[in-house]
Amino acid sequence: MLGSLFLSEVMGFQPCVLCWYQRIAMYPLVLILPVGLFPFDRNVVRYALPLSLLGSLIALFHLLLVAGYIPESIKPCVQGVPCTEVQIEWFGFVTIPLLSGLSFLLITALLILIHRRSSK
């Protein structure tokens, strides 16, 4: 969440429609995870995992759209900032959708790990 706010509010990058959808999936996790993990509640996985998986799918779609694997005619960004616009590219391959996807995948993996350890 802090990364997306930094990029939009400090760096001045305008988020596209897919970025907003990813934020919609990420921002509730900022509240759900601390409340459910400290103190630990086994049901936190039930609430957080669907949001994390949804965010991962949106980020994957966004990555494929930016990479050109999804045709331009399917793109959801018809107004405002185009979803295929690369605003940052660190090390020649790290883009905003990649950062978002990695964040969601890390949260998903940790939630699955916590679920497996708590069910033993």
PDB file of N, CA and C in Angstrom:
ATOM      1  N   MET A   1       0.821  -1.179   0.000  1.00  0.00           N
ATOM      2  CA  MET A   1       0.000   0.000   0.000  1.00  0.00           C
ATOM      3  C   MET A   1       0.875   1.256   0.000  1.00  0.00           C
ATOM      4  N   LEU A   2       1.904   1.244   0.834  1.00  0.00           N
ATOM      5  CA  LEU A   2       2.774   2.414   0.897  1.00  0.00           C
ATOM      6  C   LEU A   2       3.458   2.678  -0.442  1.00  0.00           C
ATOM      7  N   GLY A   3       3.817   1.611  -1.145  1.00  0.00           N
ATOM      8  CA  GLY A   3       4.439   1.767  -2.455  1.00  0.00           C
ATOM      9  C   GLY A   3       3.514   2.435  -3.453  1.00  0.00           C
ATOM     10  N   SER A   4       2.257   2.021  -3.490  1.00  0.00           N
ATOM     11  CA  SER A   4       1.317   2.621  -4.439  1.00  0.00           C
ATOM     12  C   SER A   4       1.032   4.071  -4.080  1.00  0.00           C
ATOM     13  N   LEU A   5       0.928   4.362  -2.790  1.00  0.00           N
ATOM     14  CA  LEU A   5       0.708   5.754  -2.389  1.00  0.00           C
ATOM     15  C   LEU A   5       1.927   6.618  -2.691  1.00  0.00           C
ATOM     16  N   PHE A   6       3.126   6.076  -2.493  1.00  0.00           N
ATOM     17  CA  PHE A   6       4.337   6.829  -2.807  1.00  0.00           C
ATOM     18  C   PHE A   6       4.400   7.155  -4.296  1.00  0.00           C
ATOM     19  N   LEU A   7       4.126   6.147  -5.136  1.00  0.00           N
ATOM     20  CA  LEU A   7       4.223   6.366  -6.575  1.00  0.00           C
ATOM     21  C   LEU A   7       3.182   7.366  -7.078  1.00  0.00           C
ATOM     22  N   SER A   8       1.996   7.354  -6.494  1.00  0.00           N
ATOM     23  CA  SER A   8       0.969   8.273  -6.980  1.00  0.00           C
ATOM     24  C   SER A   8       1.037   9.642  -6.319  1.00  0.00           C
ATOM     25  N   GLU A   9       1.241   9.689  -5.015  1.00  0.00           N
ATOM     26  CA  GLU A   9       1.186  10.971  -4.315  1.00  0.00           C
ATOM     27  C   GLU A   9       2.519  11.717  -4.314  1.00  0.00           C
ATOM     28  N   VAL A  10       3.633  11.019  -4.190  1.00  0.00           N
ATOM     29  CA  VAL A  10       4.932  11.679  -4.132  1.00  0.00           C
ATOM     30  C   VAL A  10       5.542  11.816  -5.532  1.00  0.00           C
ATOM     31  N   MET A  11       5.553  10.708  -6.281  1.00  0.00           N
ATOM     32  CA  MET A  11       6.162  10.727  -7.615  1.00  0.00           C
ATOM     33  C   MET A  11       5.238  11.339  -8.681  1.00  0.00           C
ATOM     34  N   GLY A  12       3.936  11.392  -8.389  1.00  0.00           N
ATOM     35  CA  GLY A  12       3.001  12.022  -9.316  1.00  0.00           C
ATOM     36  C   GLY A  12       2.490  11.139 -10.437  1.00  0.00           C
ATOM     37  N   PHE A  13       2.677   9.824 -10.354  1.00  0.00           N
ATOM     38  CA  PHE A  13       2.160   8.919 -11.383  1.00  0.00           C
ATOM     39  C   PHE A  13       0.666   8.718 -11.181  1.00  0.00           C
ATOM     40  N   GLN A  14      -0.095   8.888 -12.238  1.00  0.00           N
ATOM     41  CA  GLN A  14      -1.533   8.659 -12.176  1.00  0.00           C
ATOM     42  C   GLN A  14      -1.816   7.171 -12.377  1.00  0.00           C
ATOM     43  N   PRO A  15      -2.582   6.538 -11.485  1.00  0.00           N
ATOM     44  CA  PRO A  15      -2.883   5.114 -11.653  1.00  0.00           C
ATOM     45  C   PRO A  15      -3.910   4.877 -12.755  1.00  0.00           C
ATOM     46  N   CYS A  16      -3.726   3.775 -13.469  1.00  0.00           N
ATOM     47  CA  CYS A  16      -4.687   3.382 -14.493  1.00  0.00           C
ATOM     48  C   CYS A  16      -5.831   2.612 -13.831  1.00  0.00           C
ATOM     49  N   VAL A  17      -6.791   2.177 -14.617  1.00  0.00           N
ATOM     50  CA  VAL A  17      -7.953   1.460 -14.088  1.00  0.00           C
ATOM     51  C   VAL A  17      -7.533   0.156 -13.421  1.00  0.00           C
ATOM     52  N   LEU A  18      -6.640  -0.605 -14.048  1.00  0.00           N
ATOM     53  CA  LEU A  18      -6.201  -1.865 -13.445  1.00  0.00           C
ATOM     54  C   LEU A  18      -5.426  -1.625 -12.149  1.00  0.00           C
ATOM     55  N   CYS A  19      -4.679  -0.536 -12.083  1.00  0.00           N
ATOM     56  CA  CYS A  19      -3.982  -0.191 -10.836  1.00  0.00           C
ATOM     57  C   CYS A  19      -4.991   0.094  -9.727  1.00  0.00           C
ATOM     58  N   TRP A  20      -6.081   0.756 -10.070  1.00  0.00           N
ATOM     59  CA  TRP A  20      -7.119   1.017  -9.065  1.00  0.00           C
ATOM     60  C   TRP A  20      -7.737  -0.287  -8.579  1.00  0.00           C
ATOM     61  N   TYR A  21      -7.986  -1.220  -9.479  1.00  0.00           N
ATOM     62  CA  TYR A  21      -8.557  -2.511  -9.063  1.00  0.00           C
ATOM     63  C   TYR A  21      -7.593  -3.248  -8.134  1.00  0.00           C
ATOM     64  N   GLN A  22      -6.310  -3.178  -8.424  1.00  0.00           N
ATOM     65  CA  GLN A  22      -5.320  -3.811  -7.556  1.00  0.00           C
ATOM     66  C   GLN A  22      -5.285  -3.135  -6.189  1.00  0.00           C
ATOM     67  N   ARG A  23      -5.440  -1.830  -6.169  1.00  0.00           N
ATOM     68  CA  ARG A  23      -5.500  -1.117  -4.893  1.00  0.00           C
ATOM     69  C   ARG A  23      -6.741  -1.520  -4.098  1.00  0.00           C
ATOM     70  N   ILE A  24      -7.848  -1.713  -4.799  1.00  0.00           N
ATOM     71  CA  ILE A  24      -9.079  -2.134  -4.118  1.00  0.00           C
ATOM     72  C   ILE A  24      -8.876  -3.479  -3.435  1.00  0.00           C
ATOM     73  N   ALA A  25      -8.089  -4.350  -4.014  1.00  0.00           N
ATOM     74  CA  ALA A  25      -7.790  -5.643  -3.396  1.00  0.00           C
ATOM     75  C   ALA A  25      -6.741  -5.522  -2.296  1.00  0.00           C
ATOM     76  N   MET A  26      -5.806  -4.572  -2.413  1.00  0.00           N
ATOM     77  CA  MET A  26      -4.694  -4.463  -1.461  1.00  0.00           C
ATOM     78  C   MET A  26      -5.062  -3.698  -0.198  1.00  0.00           C
ATOM     79  N   TYR A  27      -5.761  -2.606  -0.323  1.00  0.00           N
ATOM     80  CA  TYR A  27      -5.981  -1.734   0.831  1.00  0.00           C
ATOM     81  C   TYR A  27      -6.733  -2.410   1.983  1.00  0.00           C
ATOM     82  N   PRO A  28      -7.753  -3.238   1.733  1.00  0.00           N
ATOM     83  CA  PRO A  28      -8.381  -3.923   2.868  1.00  0.00           C
ATOM     84  C   PRO A  28      -7.431  -4.882   3.583  1.00  0.00           C
ATOM     85  N   LEU A  29      -6.459  -5.430   2.854  1.00  0.00           N
ATOM     86  CA  LEU A  29      -5.486  -6.333   3.479  1.00  0.00           C
ATOM     87  C   LEU A  29      -4.658  -5.618   4.536  1.00  0.00           C
ATOM     88  N   VAL A  30      -4.465  -4.323   4.346  1.00  0.00           N
ATOM     89  CA  VAL A  30      -3.692  -3.540   5.312  1.00  0.00           C
ATOM     90  C   VAL A  30      -4.400  -3.513   6.669  1.00  0.00           C
ATOM     91  N   LEU A  31      -5.706  -3.602   6.670  1.00  0.00           N
ATOM     92  CA  LEU A  31      -6.469  -3.644   7.923  1.00  0.00           C
ATOM     93  C   LEU A  31      -6.708  -5.064   8.411  1.00  0.00           C
ATOM     94  N   ILE A  32      -7.028  -5.963   7.491  1.00  0.00           N
ATOM     95  CA  ILE A  32      -7.385  -7.337   7.865  1.00  0.00           C
ATOM     96  C   ILE A  32      -6.186  -8.093   8.447  1.00  0.00           C
ATOM     97  N   LEU A  33      -5.034  -8.001   7.825  1.00  0.00           N
ATOM     98  CA  LEU A  33      -3.889  -8.808   8.256  1.00  0.00           C
ATOM     99  C   LEU A  33      -3.379  -8.466   9.651  1.00  0.00           C
ATOM    100  N   PRO A  34      -3.153  -7.208   9.994  1.00  0.00           N
ATOM    101  CA  PRO A  34      -2.699  -6.953  11.371  1.00  0.00           C
ATOM    102  C   PRO A  34      -3.734  -7.341  12.432  1.00  0.00           C
ATOM    103  N   VAL A  35      -5.000  -7.091  12.153  1.00  0.00           N
ATOM    104  CA  VAL A  35      -6.045  -7.431  13.122  1.00  0.00           C
ATOM    105  C   VAL A  35      -6.148  -8.942  13.300  1.00  0.00           C
ATOM    106  N   GLY A  36      -5.990  -9.698  12.212  1.00  0.00           N
ATOM    107  CA  GLY A  36      -6.125 -11.144  12.277  1.00  0.00           C
ATOM    108  C   GLY A  36      -4.868 -11.886  12.696  1.00  0.00           C
ATOM    109  N   LEU A  37      -3.729 -11.246  12.556  1.00  0.00           N
ATOM    110  CA  LEU A  37      -2.480 -11.935  12.881  1.00  0.00           C
ATOM    111  C   LEU A  37      -1.934 -11.581  14.258  1.00  0.00           C
ATOM    112  N   PHE A  38      -2.322 -10.448  14.810  1.00  0.00           N
ATOM    113  CA  PHE A  38      -1.820 -10.025  16.119  1.00  0.00           C
ATOM    114  C   PHE A  38      -2.974  -9.649  17.025  1.00  0.00           C
ATOM    115  N   PRO A  39      -3.556 -10.481  17.817  1.00  0.00           N
ATOM    116  CA  PRO A  39      -3.235 -11.875  18.077  1.00  0.00           C
ATOM    117  C   PRO A  39      -3.750 -12.759  16.945  1.00  0.00           C
ATOM    118  N   PHE A  40      -3.133 -13.905  16.812  1.00  0.00           N
ATOM    119  CA  PHE A  40      -3.419 -14.794  15.688  1.00  0.00           C
ATOM    120  C   PHE A  40      -4.837 -15.342  15.740  1.00  0.00           C
ATOM    121  N   ASP A  41      -5.520 -15.239  14.613  1.00  0.00           N
ATOM    122  CA  ASP A  41      -6.852 -15.807  14.425  1.00  0.00           C
ATOM    123  C   ASP A  41      -6.796 -16.661  13.160  1.00  0.00           C
ATOM    124  N   ARG A  42      -7.108 -17.938  13.291  1.00  0.00           N
ATOM    125  CA  ARG A  42      -7.017 -18.851  12.137  1.00  0.00           C
ATOM    126  C   ARG A  42      -7.909 -18.423  10.977  1.00  0.00           C
ATOM    127  N   ASN A  43      -8.973 -17.699  11.267  1.00  0.00           N
ATOM    128  CA  ASN A  43      -9.909 -17.299  10.213  1.00  0.00           C
ATOM    129  C   ASN A  43      -9.409 -16.154   9.350  1.00  0.00           C
ATOM    130  N   VAL A  44      -8.276 -15.563   9.693  1.00  0.00           N
ATOM    131  CA  VAL A  44      -7.757 -14.459   8.888  1.00  0.00           C
ATOM    132  C   VAL A  44      -7.474 -14.913   7.460  1.00  0.00           C
ATOM    133  N   VAL A  45      -7.078 -16.144   7.293  1.00  0.00           N
ATOM    134  CA  VAL A  45      -6.790 -16.666   5.953  1.00  0.00           C
ATOM    135  C   VAL A  45      -8.069 -16.677   5.123  1.00  0.00           C
ATOM    136  N   ARG A  46      -9.172 -17.004   5.751  1.00  0.00           N
ATOM    137  CA  ARG A  46     -10.468 -17.045   5.051  1.00  0.00           C
ATOM    138  C   ARG A  46     -10.841 -15.676   4.482  1.00  0.00           C
ATOM    139  N   TYR A  47     -10.480 -14.621   5.179  1.00  0.00           N
ATOM    140  CA  TYR A  47     -10.844 -13.277   4.735  1.00  0.00           C
ATOM    141  C   TYR A  47      -9.803 -12.654   3.807  1.00  0.00           C
ATOM    142  N   ALA A  48      -8.551 -12.932   4.058  1.00  0.00           N
ATOM    143  CA  ALA A  48      -7.480 -12.268   3.311  1.00  0.00           C
ATOM    144  C   ALA A  48      -7.110 -12.981   2.014  1.00  0.00           C
ATOM    145  N   LEU A  49      -7.177 -14.305   2.001  1.00  0.00           N
ATOM    146  CA  LEU A  49      -6.732 -15.054   0.822  1.00  0.00           C
ATOM    147  C   LEU A  49      -7.528 -14.723  -0.445  1.00  0.00           C
ATOM    148  N   PRO A  50      -8.863 -14.613  -0.379  1.00  0.00           N
ATOM    149  CA  PRO A  50      -9.574 -14.253  -1.624  1.00  0.00           C
ATOM    150  C   PRO A  50      -9.154 -12.892  -2.187  1.00  0.00           C
ATOM    151  N   LEU A  51      -8.927 -11.910  -1.325  1.00  0.00           N
ATOM    152  CA  LEU A  51      -8.478 -10.600  -1.802  1.00  0.00           C
ATOM    153  C   LEU A  51      -7.097 -10.691  -2.421  1.00  0.00           C
ATOM    154  N   SER A  52      -6.231 -11.467  -1.792  1.00  0.00           N
ATOM    155  CA  SER A  52      -4.874 -11.623  -2.304  1.00  0.00           C
ATOM    156  C   SER A  52      -4.863 -12.351  -3.646  1.00  0.00           C
ATOM    157  N   LEU A  53      -5.656 -13.378  -3.767  1.00  0.00           N
ATOM    158  CA  LEU A  53      -5.734 -14.106  -5.042  1.00  0.00           C
ATOM    159  C   LEU A  53      -6.336 -13.244  -6.145  1.00  0.00           C
ATOM    160  N   LEU A  54      -7.367 -12.485  -5.809  1.00  0.00           N
ATOM    161  CA  LEU A  54      -7.983 -11.588  -6.785  1.00  0.00           C
ATOM    162  C   LEU A  54      -6.971 -10.544  -7.254  1.00  0.00           C
ATOM    163  N   GLY A  55      -6.252  -9.954  -6.313  1.00  0.00           N
ATOM    164  CA  GLY A  55      -5.214  -8.983  -6.677  1.00  0.00           C
ATOM    165  C   GLY A  55      -4.133  -9.599  -7.541  1.00  0.00           C
ATOM    166  N   SER A  56      -3.754 -10.852  -7.245  1.00  0.00           N
ATOM    167  CA  SER A  56      -2.747 -11.550  -8.054  1.00  0.00           C
ATOM    168  C   SER A  56      -3.227 -11.734  -9.491  1.00  0.00           C
ATOM    169  N   LEU A  57      -4.483 -12.102  -9.653  1.00  0.00           N
ATOM    170  CA  LEU A  57      -5.033 -12.302 -11.001  1.00  0.00           C
ATOM    171  C   LEU A  57      -5.098 -10.990 -11.784  1.00  0.00           C
ATOM    172  N   ILE A  58      -5.497  -9.917 -11.120  1.00  0.00           N
ATOM    173  CA  ILE A  58      -5.549  -8.618 -11.792  1.00  0.00           C
ATOM    174  C   ILE A  58      -4.140  -8.175 -12.173  1.00  0.00           C
ATOM    175  N   ALA A  59      -3.182  -8.375 -11.274  1.00  0.00           N
ATOM    176  CA  ALA A  59      -1.789  -8.000 -11.569  1.00  0.00           C
ATOM    177  C   ALA A  59      -1.238  -8.837 -12.723  1.00  0.00           C
ATOM    178  N   LEU A  60      -1.563 -10.130 -12.761  1.00  0.00           N
ATOM    179  CA  LEU A  60      -1.117 -10.985 -13.865  1.00  0.00           C
ATOM    180  C   LEU A  60      -1.705 -10.501 -15.189  1.00  0.00           C
ATOM    181  N   PHE A  61      -2.993 -10.190 -15.186  1.00  0.00           N
ATOM    182  CA  PHE A  61      -3.632  -9.666 -16.396  1.00  0.00           C
ATOM    183  C   PHE A  61      -2.953  -8.369 -16.832  1.00  0.00           C
ATOM    184  N   HIS A  62      -2.650  -7.501 -15.864  1.00  0.00           N
ATOM    185  CA  HIS A  62      -1.999  -6.229 -16.162  1.00  0.00           C
ATOM    186  C   HIS A  62      -0.601  -6.457 -16.739  1.00  0.00           C
ATOM    187  N   LEU A  63       0.140  -7.399 -16.161  1.00  0.00           N
ATOM    188  CA  LEU A  63       1.473  -7.728 -16.682  1.00  0.00           C
ATOM    189  C   LEU A  63       1.405  -8.227 -18.116  1.00  0.00           C
ATOM    190  N   LEU A  64       0.471  -9.122 -18.385  1.00  0.00           N
ATOM    191  CA  LEU A  64       0.324  -9.666 -19.733  1.00  0.00           C
ATOM    192  C   LEU A  64      -0.108  -8.591 -20.727  1.00  0.00           C
ATOM    193  N   LEU A  65      -0.922  -7.651 -20.271  1.00  0.00           N
ATOM    194  CA  LEU A  65      -1.353  -6.555 -21.127  1.00  0.00           C
ATOM    195  C   LEU A  65      -0.175  -5.641 -21.472  1.00  0.00           C
ATOM    196  N   VAL A  66       0.642  -5.312 -20.468  1.00  0.00           N
ATOM    197  CA  VAL A  66       1.812  -4.459 -20.698  1.00  0.00           C
ATOM    198  C   VAL A  66       2.827  -5.161 -21.597  1.00  0.00           C
ATOM    199  N   ALA A  67       2.992  -6.484 -21.416  1.00  0.00           N
ATOM    200  CA  ALA A  67       3.956  -7.241 -22.216  1.00  0.00           C
ATOM    201  C   ALA A  67       3.492  -7.458 -23.647  1.00  0.00           C
ATOM    202  N   GLY A  68       2.209  -7.219 -23.934  1.00  0.00           N
ATOM    203  CA  GLY A  68       1.700  -7.359 -25.289  1.00  0.00           C
ATOM    204  C   GLY A  68       1.122  -8.720 -25.605  1.00  0.00           C
ATOM    205  N   TYR A  69       0.994  -9.589 -24.600  1.00  0.00           N
ATOM    206  CA  TYR A  69       0.415 -10.914 -24.832  1.00  0.00           C
ATOM    207  C   TYR A  69      -1.103 -10.862 -24.951  1.00  0.00           C
ATOM    208  N   ILE A  70      -1.714  -9.860 -24.398  1.00  0.00           N
ATOM    209  CA  ILE A  70      -3.159  -9.670 -24.504  1.00  0.00           C
ATOM    210  C   ILE A  70      -3.386  -8.574 -25.536  1.00  0.00           C
ATOM    211  N   PRO A  71      -4.278  -8.805 -26.493  1.00  0.00           N
ATOM    212  CA  PRO A  71      -4.486  -7.807 -27.554  1.00  0.00           C
ATOM    213  C   PRO A  71      -5.023  -6.484 -27.011  1.00  0.00           C
ATOM    214  N   GLU A  72      -4.708  -5.415 -27.701  1.00  0.00           N
ATOM    215  CA  GLU A  72      -5.134  -4.077 -27.312  1.00  0.00           C
ATOM    216  C   GLU A  72      -6.656  -3.944 -27.269  1.00  0.00           C
ATOM    217  N   SER A  73      -7.366  -4.719 -28.076  1.00  0.00           N
ATOM    218  CA  SER A  73      -8.823  -4.594 -28.137  1.00  0.00           C
ATOM    219  C   SER A  73      -9.500  -5.040 -26.846  1.00  0.00           C
ATOM    220  N   ILE A  74      -8.826  -5.829 -26.014  1.00  0.00           N
ATOM    221  CA  ILE A  74      -9.413  -6.322 -24.763  1.00  0.00           C
ATOM    222  C   ILE A  74      -9.122  -5.382 -23.604  1.00  0.00           C
ATOM    223  N   LYS A  75      -8.245  -4.435 -23.787  1.00  0.00           N
ATOM    224  CA  LYS A  75      -7.798  -3.611 -22.665  1.00  0.00           C
ATOM    225  C   LYS A  75      -8.962  -2.863 -22.016  1.00  0.00           C
ATOM    226  N   PRO A  76      -8.974  -2.831 -20.690  1.00  0.00           N
ATOM    227  CA  PRO A  76     -10.080  -2.204 -19.979  1.00  0.00           C
ATOM    228  C   PRO A  76      -9.928  -0.694 -19.823  1.00  0.00           C
ATOM    229  N   CYS A  77      -8.760  -0.156 -20.086  1.00  0.00           N
ATOM    230  CA  CYS A  77      -8.507   1.274 -19.869  1.00  0.00           C
ATOM    231  C   CYS A  77      -8.861   2.059 -21.119  1.00  0.00           C
ATOM    232  N   VAL A  78     -10.065   2.576 -21.155  1.00  0.00           N
ATOM    233  CA  VAL A  78     -10.486   3.352 -22.317  1.00  0.00           C
ATOM    234  C   VAL A  78     -10.444   4.850 -22.033  1.00  0.00           C
ATOM    235  N   GLN A  79     -10.401   5.230 -20.749  1.00  0.00           N
ATOM    236  CA  GLN A  79     -10.318   6.643 -20.378  1.00  0.00           C
ATOM    237  C   GLN A  79      -9.129   6.835 -19.450  1.00  0.00           C
ATOM    238  N   GLY A  80      -8.591   8.017 -19.467  1.00  0.00           N
ATOM    239  CA  GLY A  80      -7.502   8.334 -18.546  1.00  0.00           C
ATOM    240  C   GLY A  80      -6.180   7.716 -18.972  1.00  0.00           C
ATOM    241  N   VAL A  81      -5.407   7.286 -17.984  1.00  0.00           N
ATOM    242  CA  VAL A  81      -4.079   6.721 -18.221  1.00  0.00           C
ATOM    243  C   VAL A  81      -4.220   5.345 -18.882  1.00  0.00           C
ATOM    244  N   PRO A  82      -3.529   5.099 -19.995  1.00  0.00           N
ATOM    245  CA  PRO A  82      -3.602   3.779 -20.618  1.00  0.00           C
ATOM    246  C   PRO A  82      -2.932   2.712 -19.741  1.00  0.00           C
ATOM    247  N   CYS A  83      -3.519   1.538 -19.711  1.00  0.00           N
ATOM    248  CA  CYS A  83      -2.995   0.438 -18.883  1.00  0.00           C
ATOM    249  C   CYS A  83      -1.690  -0.125 -19.439  1.00  0.00           C
ATOM    250  N   THR A  84      -1.406   0.136 -20.687  1.00  0.00           N
ATOM    251  CA  THR A  84      -0.180  -0.389 -21.287  1.00  0.00           C
ATOM    252  C   THR A  84       1.002   0.564 -21.131  1.00  0.00           C
ATOM    253  N   GLU A  85       0.775   1.740 -20.568  1.00  0.00           N
ATOM    254  CA  GLU A  85       1.850   2.720 -20.389  1.00  0.00           C
ATOM    255  C   GLU A  85       2.786   2.267 -19.267  1.00  0.00           C
ATOM    256  N   VAL A  86       4.077   2.222 -19.574  1.00  0.00           N
ATOM    257  CA  VAL A  86       5.092   1.849 -18.581  1.00  0.00           C
ATOM    258  C   VAL A  86       5.621   3.135 -17.962  1.00  0.00           C
ATOM    259  N   GLN A  87       5.247   3.379 -16.701  1.00  0.00           N
ATOM    260  CA  GLN A  87       5.647   4.617 -16.042  1.00  0.00           C
ATOM    261  C   GLN A  87       7.031   4.504 -15.403  1.00  0.00           C
ATOM    262  N   ILE A  88       7.367   3.334 -14.887  1.00  0.00           N
ATOM    263  CA  ILE A  88       8.723   3.093 -14.379  1.00  0.00           C
ATOM    264  C   ILE A  88       9.205   1.762 -14.928  1.00  0.00           C
ATOM    265  N   GLU A  89      10.508   1.640 -15.068  1.00  0.00           N
ATOM    266  CA  GLU A  89      11.110   0.379 -15.494  1.00  0.00           C
ATOM    267  C   GLU A  89      12.508   0.315 -14.889  1.00  0.00           C
ATOM    268  N   TRP A  90      12.582  -0.305 -13.710  1.00  0.00           N
ATOM    269  CA  TRP A  90      13.849  -0.435 -13.003  1.00  0.00           C
ATOM    270  C   TRP A  90      14.557  -1.699 -13.464  1.00  0.00           C
ATOM    271  N   PHE A  91      15.849  -1.627 -13.635  1.00  0.00           N
ATOM    272  CA  PHE A  91      16.692  -2.757 -14.053  1.00  0.00           C
ATOM    273  C   PHE A  91      16.255  -3.352 -15.387  1.00  0.00           C
ATOM    274  N   GLY A  92      15.487  -2.616 -16.169  1.00  0.00           N
ATOM    275  CA  GLY A  92      15.070  -3.062 -17.483  1.00  0.00           C
ATOM    276  C   GLY A  92      13.861  -3.978 -17.510  1.00  0.00           C
ATOM    277  N   PHE A  93      13.309  -4.371 -16.347  1.00  0.00           N
ATOM    278  CA  PHE A  93      12.148  -5.264 -16.372  1.00  0.00           C
ATOM    279  C   PHE A  93      11.188  -5.065 -15.201  1.00  0.00           C
ATOM    280  N   VAL A  94      11.558  -4.354 -14.167  1.00  0.00           N
ATOM    281  CA  VAL A  94      10.690  -4.187 -12.994  1.00  0.00           C
ATOM    282  C   VAL A  94       9.739  -3.016 -13.235  1.00  0.00           C
ATOM    283  N   THR A  95       8.456  -3.336 -13.387  1.00  0.00           N
ATOM    284  CA  THR A  95       7.419  -2.341 -13.620  1.00  0.00           C
ATOM    285  C   THR A  95       6.461  -2.315 -12.436  1.00  0.00           C
ATOM    286  N   ILE A  96       5.549  -1.359 -12.439  1.00  0.00           N
ATOM    287  CA  ILE A  96       4.578  -1.250 -11.354  1.00  0.00           C
ATOM    288  C   ILE A  96       3.686  -2.496 -11.277  1.00  0.00           C
ATOM    289  N   PRO A  97       3.167  -3.023 -12.398  1.00  0.00           N
ATOM    290  CA  PRO A  97       2.372  -4.249 -12.284  1.00  0.00           C
ATOM    291  C   PRO A  97       3.173  -5.443 -11.741  1.00  0.00           C
ATOM    292  N   LEU A  98       4.456  -5.514 -12.057  1.00  0.00           N
ATOM    293  CA  LEU A  98       5.288  -6.596 -11.529  1.00  0.00           C
ATOM    294  C   LEU A  98       5.447  -6.457 -10.022  1.00  0.00           C
ATOM    295  N   LEU A  99       5.681  -5.248  -9.543  1.00  0.00           N
ATOM    296  CA  LEU A  99       5.799  -5.017  -8.101  1.00  0.00           C
ATOM    297  C   LEU A  99       4.501  -5.396  -7.385  1.00  0.00           C
ATOM    298  N   SER A 100       3.383  -5.020  -7.972  1.00  0.00           N
ATOM    299  CA  SER A 100       2.086  -5.355  -7.387  1.00  0.00           C
ATOM    300  C   SER A 100       1.877  -6.867  -7.366  1.00  0.00           C
ATOM    301  N   GLY A 101       2.169  -7.518  -8.478  1.00  0.00           N
ATOM    302  CA  GLY A 101       2.001  -8.973  -8.552  1.00  0.00           C
ATOM    303  C   GLY A 101       2.884  -9.706  -7.557  1.00  0.00           C
ATOM    304  N   LEU A 102       4.121  -9.268  -7.411  1.00  0.00           N
ATOM    305  CA  LEU A 102       5.019  -9.899  -6.441  1.00  0.00           C
ATOM    306  C   LEU A 102       4.521  -9.698  -5.011  1.00  0.00           C
ATOM    307  N   SER A 103       3.982  -8.529  -4.729  1.00  0.00           N
ATOM    308  CA  SER A 103       3.432  -8.270  -3.395  1.00  0.00           C
ATOM    309  C   SER A 103       2.264  -9.198  -3.104  1.00  0.00           C
ATOM    310  N   PHE A 104       1.350  -9.319  -4.054  1.00  0.00           N
ATOM    311  CA  PHE A 104       0.198 -10.202  -3.852  1.00  0.00           C
ATOM    312  C   PHE A 104       0.628 -11.666  -3.735  1.00  0.00           C
ATOM    313  N   LEU A 105       1.584 -12.085  -4.554  1.00  0.00           N
ATOM    314  CA  LEU A 105       2.054 -13.472  -4.471  1.00  0.00           C
ATOM    315  C   LEU A 105       2.743 -13.761  -3.146  1.00  0.00           C
ATOM    316  N   LEU A 106       3.512 -12.809  -2.633  1.00  0.00           N
ATOM    317  CA  LEU A 106       4.151 -12.987  -1.336  1.00  0.00           C
ATOM    318  C   LEU A 106       3.114 -13.092  -0.223  1.00  0.00           C
ATOM    319  N   ILE A 107       2.114 -12.233  -0.252  1.00  0.00           N
ATOM    320  CA  ILE A 107       1.044 -12.305   0.750  1.00  0.00           C
ATOM    321  C   ILE A 107       0.306 -13.626   0.641  1.00  0.00           C
ATOM    322  N   THR A 108       0.012 -14.078  -0.566  1.00  0.00           N
ATOM    323  CA  THR A 108      -0.672 -15.347  -0.771  1.00  0.00           C
ATOM    324  C   THR A 108       0.149 -16.510  -0.237  1.00  0.00           C
ATOM    325  N   ALA A 109       1.433 -16.537  -0.559  1.00  0.00           N
ATOM    326  CA  ALA A 109       2.298 -17.623  -0.086  1.00  0.00           C
ATOM    327  C   ALA A 109       2.380 -17.640   1.437  1.00  0.00           C
ATOM    328  N   LEU A 110       2.508 -16.482   2.057  1.00  0.00           N
ATOM    329  CA  LEU A 110       2.579 -16.424   3.520  1.00  0.00           C
ATOM    330  C   LEU A 110       1.267 -16.846   4.166  1.00  0.00           C
ATOM    331  N   LEU A 111       0.147 -16.473   3.567  1.00  0.00           N
ATOM    332  CA  LEU A 111      -1.150 -16.895   4.102  1.00  0.00           C
ATOM    333  C   LEU A 111      -1.321 -18.404   4.013  1.00  0.00           C
ATOM    334  N   ILE A 112      -0.898 -18.998   2.910  1.00  0.00           N
ATOM    335  CA  ILE A 112      -0.990 -20.454   2.761  1.00  0.00           C
ATOM    336  C   ILE A 112      -0.075 -21.141   3.767  1.00  0.00           C
ATOM    337  N   LEU A 113       1.118 -20.610   3.958  1.00  0.00           N
ATOM    338  CA  LEU A 113       2.047 -21.165   4.946  1.00  0.00           C
ATOM    339  C   LEU A 113       1.467 -21.079   6.354  1.00  0.00           C
ATOM    340  N   ILE A 114       0.901 -19.960   6.704  1.00  0.00           N
ATOM    341  CA  ILE A 114       0.279 -19.794   8.021  1.00  0.00           C
ATOM    342  C   ILE A 114      -0.883 -20.759   8.191  1.00  0.00           C
ATOM    343  N   HIS A 115      -1.676 -20.921   7.151  1.00  0.00           N
ATOM    344  CA  HIS A 115      -2.819 -21.838   7.223  1.00  0.00           C
ATOM    345  C   HIS A 115      -2.360 -23.279   7.439  1.00  0.00           C
ATOM    346  N   ARG A 116      -1.327 -23.695   6.713  1.00  0.00           N
ATOM    347  CA  ARG A 116      -0.815 -25.065   6.864  1.00  0.00           C
ATOM    348  C   ARG A 116      -0.233 -25.286   8.250  1.00  0.00           C
ATOM    349  N   ARG A 117       0.497 -24.333   8.772  1.00  0.00           N
ATOM    350  CA  ARG A 117       1.104 -24.486  10.102  1.00  0.00           C
ATOM    351  C   ARG A 117       0.056 -24.462  11.203  1.00  0.00           C
ATOM    352  N   SER A 118      -0.987 -23.680  11.036  1.00  0.00           N
ATOM    353  CA  SER A 118      -2.000 -23.592  12.091  1.00  0.00           C
ATOM    354  C   SER A 118      -2.958 -24.777  12.076  1.00  0.00           C
ATOM    355  N   SER A 119      -3.061 -25.472  10.942  1.00  0.00           N
ATOM    356  CA  SER A 119      -3.967 -26.618  10.875  1.00  0.00           C
ATOM    357  C   SER A 119      -3.331 -27.907  11.350  1.00  0.00           C
ATOM    358  N   LYS A 120      -2.035 -27.884  11.677  1.00  0.00           N
ATOM    359  CA  LYS A 120      -1.363 -29.094  12.165  1.00  0.00           C
ATOM    360  C   LYS A 120      -1.637 -29.325  13.616  1.00  0.00           C
TER     361      LYS A 120
END
